N, C-alpha and C. Protein backbone atom coordinates (compact mmCIF):
# COMPACT_ATOMS: atom_id res chain seq x y z
N UNK A 1 97.63 118.32 72.61
CA UNK A 1 98.89 118.13 73.34
C UNK A 1 99.77 119.38 73.07
N UNK A 2 100.83 119.46 73.81
CA UNK A 2 101.70 120.61 73.83
C UNK A 2 102.29 120.73 72.34
N UNK A 3 102.45 121.91 71.91
CA UNK A 3 103.11 122.19 70.67
C UNK A 3 102.07 122.32 69.46
N UNK A 4 100.83 121.99 69.71
CA UNK A 4 99.84 122.04 68.71
C UNK A 4 99.70 123.46 68.24
N UNK A 5 100.00 123.77 67.00
CA UNK A 5 99.86 125.12 66.39
C UNK A 5 100.66 126.13 67.14
N UNK A 6 101.82 125.73 67.71
CA UNK A 6 102.66 126.63 68.38
C UNK A 6 102.16 127.09 69.72
N UNK A 7 101.09 126.43 70.24
CA UNK A 7 100.58 126.86 71.57
C UNK A 7 101.41 126.32 72.63
N UNK A 8 101.54 127.05 73.75
CA UNK A 8 102.28 126.53 74.97
C UNK A 8 101.48 125.37 75.51
N UNK A 9 102.25 124.45 76.21
CA UNK A 9 101.49 123.33 76.79
C UNK A 9 100.58 123.81 77.92
N UNK A 10 99.46 123.10 78.06
CA UNK A 10 98.62 123.35 79.19
C UNK A 10 99.26 122.84 80.49
N UNK A 11 98.74 123.17 81.66
CA UNK A 11 99.38 122.63 82.94
C UNK A 11 99.30 121.13 82.88
N UNK A 12 98.22 120.50 82.36
CA UNK A 12 98.09 119.03 82.43
C UNK A 12 99.14 118.45 81.45
N UNK A 13 99.36 119.06 80.24
CA UNK A 13 100.37 118.55 79.34
C UNK A 13 101.75 118.72 79.86
N UNK A 14 102.07 119.82 80.55
CA UNK A 14 103.33 120.03 81.18
C UNK A 14 103.68 119.07 82.26
N UNK A 15 102.63 118.70 83.04
CA UNK A 15 102.78 117.69 84.04
C UNK A 15 103.11 116.29 83.47
N UNK A 16 102.34 115.97 82.43
CA UNK A 16 102.61 114.69 81.73
C UNK A 16 103.93 114.68 81.11
N UNK A 17 104.35 115.67 80.50
CA UNK A 17 105.77 115.78 79.83
C UNK A 17 106.79 115.59 81.00
N UNK A 18 106.61 116.25 82.09
CA UNK A 18 107.62 116.19 83.16
C UNK A 18 107.73 114.71 83.72
N UNK A 19 106.58 114.15 83.89
CA UNK A 19 106.51 112.77 84.37
C UNK A 19 107.24 111.77 83.38
N UNK A 20 106.99 112.03 82.11
CA UNK A 20 107.62 111.17 81.06
C UNK A 20 109.06 111.34 81.02
N UNK A 21 109.55 112.47 81.44
CA UNK A 21 111.01 112.77 81.40
C UNK A 21 111.74 112.21 82.65
N UNK A 22 111.02 112.09 83.69
CA UNK A 22 111.62 111.65 84.96
C UNK A 22 111.81 110.17 85.02
N UNK A 23 110.79 109.41 84.59
CA UNK A 23 110.84 107.97 84.67
C UNK A 23 111.97 107.27 83.90
N UNK A 24 112.26 107.80 82.72
CA UNK A 24 113.44 107.10 82.02
C UNK A 24 114.76 107.29 82.71
N UNK A 25 114.81 108.09 83.73
CA UNK A 25 116.00 108.22 84.45
C UNK A 25 116.34 106.99 85.31
N UNK A 26 115.33 106.16 85.64
CA UNK A 26 115.52 104.98 86.36
C UNK A 26 116.07 103.93 85.44
N UNK A 27 116.90 103.09 85.96
CA UNK A 27 117.42 101.99 85.18
C UNK A 27 116.48 100.90 84.94
N UNK A 28 116.57 100.16 83.82
CA UNK A 28 115.73 99.02 83.55
C UNK A 28 116.24 97.86 84.48
N UNK A 29 115.26 97.24 85.16
CA UNK A 29 115.75 96.07 86.05
C UNK A 29 116.14 94.95 85.09
N UNK A 30 117.15 94.15 85.56
CA UNK A 30 117.62 93.09 84.82
C UNK A 30 116.70 91.79 85.05
N UNK A 31 116.55 91.03 83.99
CA UNK A 31 115.79 89.82 84.11
C UNK A 31 114.28 89.93 84.08
N UNK A 32 113.77 91.10 83.66
CA UNK A 32 112.34 91.32 83.55
C UNK A 32 111.96 91.37 82.04
N UNK A 33 110.97 90.58 81.72
CA UNK A 33 110.48 90.56 80.35
C UNK A 33 109.05 91.03 80.38
N UNK A 34 108.64 91.68 79.25
CA UNK A 34 107.25 92.18 79.14
C UNK A 34 106.59 91.17 78.19
N UNK A 35 105.34 90.86 78.54
CA UNK A 35 104.51 89.98 77.76
C UNK A 35 103.83 90.83 76.63
N UNK A 36 103.06 90.23 75.82
CA UNK A 36 102.36 90.90 74.76
C UNK A 36 101.07 91.48 75.27
N UNK A 37 100.42 92.27 74.53
CA UNK A 37 99.14 92.82 74.97
C UNK A 37 99.32 94.28 75.29
N UNK A 38 98.15 94.92 75.51
CA UNK A 38 98.14 96.35 75.82
C UNK A 38 98.78 96.65 77.19
N UNK A 39 99.38 97.78 77.23
CA UNK A 39 99.98 98.24 78.48
C UNK A 39 99.72 99.72 78.60
N UNK A 40 99.80 100.15 79.90
CA UNK A 40 99.53 101.55 80.10
C UNK A 40 100.59 102.44 79.51
N UNK A 41 100.53 103.70 79.81
CA UNK A 41 101.52 104.65 79.30
C UNK A 41 102.92 104.19 79.60
N UNK A 42 103.87 104.42 78.60
CA UNK A 42 105.29 103.97 78.86
C UNK A 42 105.83 104.55 80.14
N UNK A 43 105.33 105.58 80.67
CA UNK A 43 105.81 106.21 81.92
C UNK A 43 105.65 105.21 83.09
N UNK A 44 104.63 104.31 82.97
CA UNK A 44 104.34 103.39 84.05
C UNK A 44 105.21 102.12 83.99
N UNK A 45 105.65 101.73 82.83
CA UNK A 45 106.19 100.49 82.49
C UNK A 45 107.47 100.23 83.38
N UNK A 46 108.31 101.11 83.48
CA UNK A 46 109.60 100.87 84.22
C UNK A 46 109.31 100.65 85.73
N UNK A 47 108.37 101.46 86.25
CA UNK A 47 107.97 101.30 87.63
C UNK A 47 107.37 99.92 87.87
N UNK A 48 106.52 99.45 86.99
CA UNK A 48 105.90 98.19 87.10
C UNK A 48 106.96 97.07 86.92
N UNK A 49 107.94 97.29 86.06
CA UNK A 49 108.98 96.26 85.92
C UNK A 49 109.78 96.10 87.28
N UNK A 50 110.03 97.20 87.97
CA UNK A 50 110.70 97.11 89.25
C UNK A 50 109.77 96.37 90.27
N UNK A 51 108.52 96.65 90.27
CA UNK A 51 107.58 96.00 91.21
C UNK A 51 107.52 94.52 90.85
N UNK A 52 107.45 94.14 89.64
CA UNK A 52 107.44 92.69 89.27
C UNK A 52 108.65 91.97 89.79
N UNK A 53 109.82 92.65 89.53
CA UNK A 53 111.12 92.05 89.95
C UNK A 53 111.11 91.88 91.48
N UNK A 54 110.79 92.86 92.16
CA UNK A 54 110.81 92.80 93.68
C UNK A 54 109.78 91.76 94.20
N UNK A 55 108.64 91.61 93.51
CA UNK A 55 107.63 90.66 93.89
C UNK A 55 107.93 89.22 93.48
N UNK A 56 108.75 89.13 92.41
CA UNK A 56 109.03 87.83 91.88
C UNK A 56 107.84 87.30 91.17
N UNK A 57 107.02 88.08 90.61
CA UNK A 57 105.77 87.60 90.04
C UNK A 57 105.31 88.51 88.81
N UNK A 58 104.53 87.94 87.96
CA UNK A 58 103.99 88.76 86.88
C UNK A 58 103.12 89.91 87.47
N UNK A 59 103.13 91.11 86.79
CA UNK A 59 102.25 92.17 87.20
C UNK A 59 101.55 92.68 86.04
N UNK A 60 100.23 92.56 86.04
CA UNK A 60 99.39 93.09 84.91
C UNK A 60 99.43 94.59 84.85
N UNK A 61 99.46 95.10 83.58
CA UNK A 61 99.49 96.57 83.39
C UNK A 61 98.34 96.89 82.47
N UNK A 62 97.19 97.19 82.97
CA UNK A 62 96.07 97.54 82.16
C UNK A 62 96.28 98.92 81.40
N UNK A 63 95.58 99.06 80.29
CA UNK A 63 95.60 100.30 79.55
C UNK A 63 94.41 101.16 79.95
N UNK A 64 94.59 102.03 80.88
CA UNK A 64 93.44 102.94 81.28
C UNK A 64 93.43 104.16 80.50
N UNK A 65 92.23 104.57 80.08
CA UNK A 65 92.06 105.78 79.41
C UNK A 65 92.21 107.04 80.35
N UNK A 66 92.84 108.01 79.93
CA UNK A 66 93.17 109.17 80.73
C UNK A 66 92.08 110.26 80.61
N UNK A 67 91.85 110.91 81.78
CA UNK A 67 91.01 112.12 81.76
C UNK A 67 91.97 113.27 81.53
N UNK A 68 91.53 114.35 80.96
CA UNK A 68 90.20 114.72 80.67
C UNK A 68 89.75 114.29 79.19
N UNK A 69 90.74 113.68 78.47
CA UNK A 69 90.35 113.25 77.14
C UNK A 69 89.17 112.28 77.06
N UNK A 70 89.16 111.37 78.08
CA UNK A 70 88.08 110.42 78.18
C UNK A 70 87.25 110.72 79.45
N UNK A 71 86.07 110.96 79.19
CA UNK A 71 85.20 111.43 80.34
C UNK A 71 84.73 110.27 81.22
N UNK A 72 84.42 110.58 82.47
CA UNK A 72 83.91 109.64 83.33
C UNK A 72 82.56 109.06 82.77
N UNK A 73 82.31 107.76 82.81
CA UNK A 73 82.95 106.76 83.66
C UNK A 73 83.94 105.85 82.91
N UNK A 74 84.59 106.40 81.84
CA UNK A 74 85.59 105.57 81.09
C UNK A 74 86.59 104.89 81.98
N UNK A 75 87.10 105.59 83.00
CA UNK A 75 88.11 105.03 83.88
C UNK A 75 87.50 103.91 84.72
N UNK A 76 86.29 104.03 85.17
CA UNK A 76 85.67 103.01 86.00
C UNK A 76 85.41 101.80 85.08
N UNK A 77 84.98 102.03 83.86
CA UNK A 77 84.78 100.92 82.97
C UNK A 77 86.14 100.11 82.78
N UNK A 78 87.21 100.89 82.59
CA UNK A 78 88.48 100.27 82.35
C UNK A 78 88.89 99.47 83.56
N UNK A 79 88.71 100.00 84.80
CA UNK A 79 89.03 99.32 85.98
C UNK A 79 88.21 97.98 86.15
N UNK A 80 86.96 98.12 85.84
CA UNK A 80 86.09 96.91 85.82
C UNK A 80 86.49 95.82 84.88
N UNK A 81 86.79 96.35 83.73
CA UNK A 81 87.35 95.40 82.73
C UNK A 81 88.63 94.70 83.13
N UNK A 82 89.57 95.44 83.74
CA UNK A 82 90.84 94.87 84.30
C UNK A 82 90.52 93.84 85.27
N UNK A 83 89.65 94.24 86.28
CA UNK A 83 89.27 93.32 87.41
C UNK A 83 88.65 92.03 86.79
N UNK A 84 87.79 92.21 85.84
CA UNK A 84 87.16 90.97 85.24
C UNK A 84 88.11 90.13 84.53
N UNK A 85 89.16 90.69 83.85
CA UNK A 85 90.17 89.94 83.17
C UNK A 85 90.99 89.16 84.22
N UNK A 86 91.22 89.76 85.38
CA UNK A 86 91.99 89.02 86.44
C UNK A 86 91.19 87.87 87.06
N UNK A 87 89.84 87.96 87.01
CA UNK A 87 89.05 86.99 87.70
C UNK A 87 89.07 85.69 86.98
């Protein structure tokens, strides 16, 4: 990740850093609670909170492994596991 041994961030790291800085700018929706269990990157949580509030329903947030750190088919396996959990 960025800052390792004083190296500049890669393009991927820079994009992730930028996304993580943008999402906290949104306000937390009122009346939304998070359950226990794994959840995806914190950058996704606020967006999902807004979706859950608008839908008036719980929204599952699976913890998907990210590429390129985790090679294919890790993401497919994670999607299948999430689908099976919902079934």
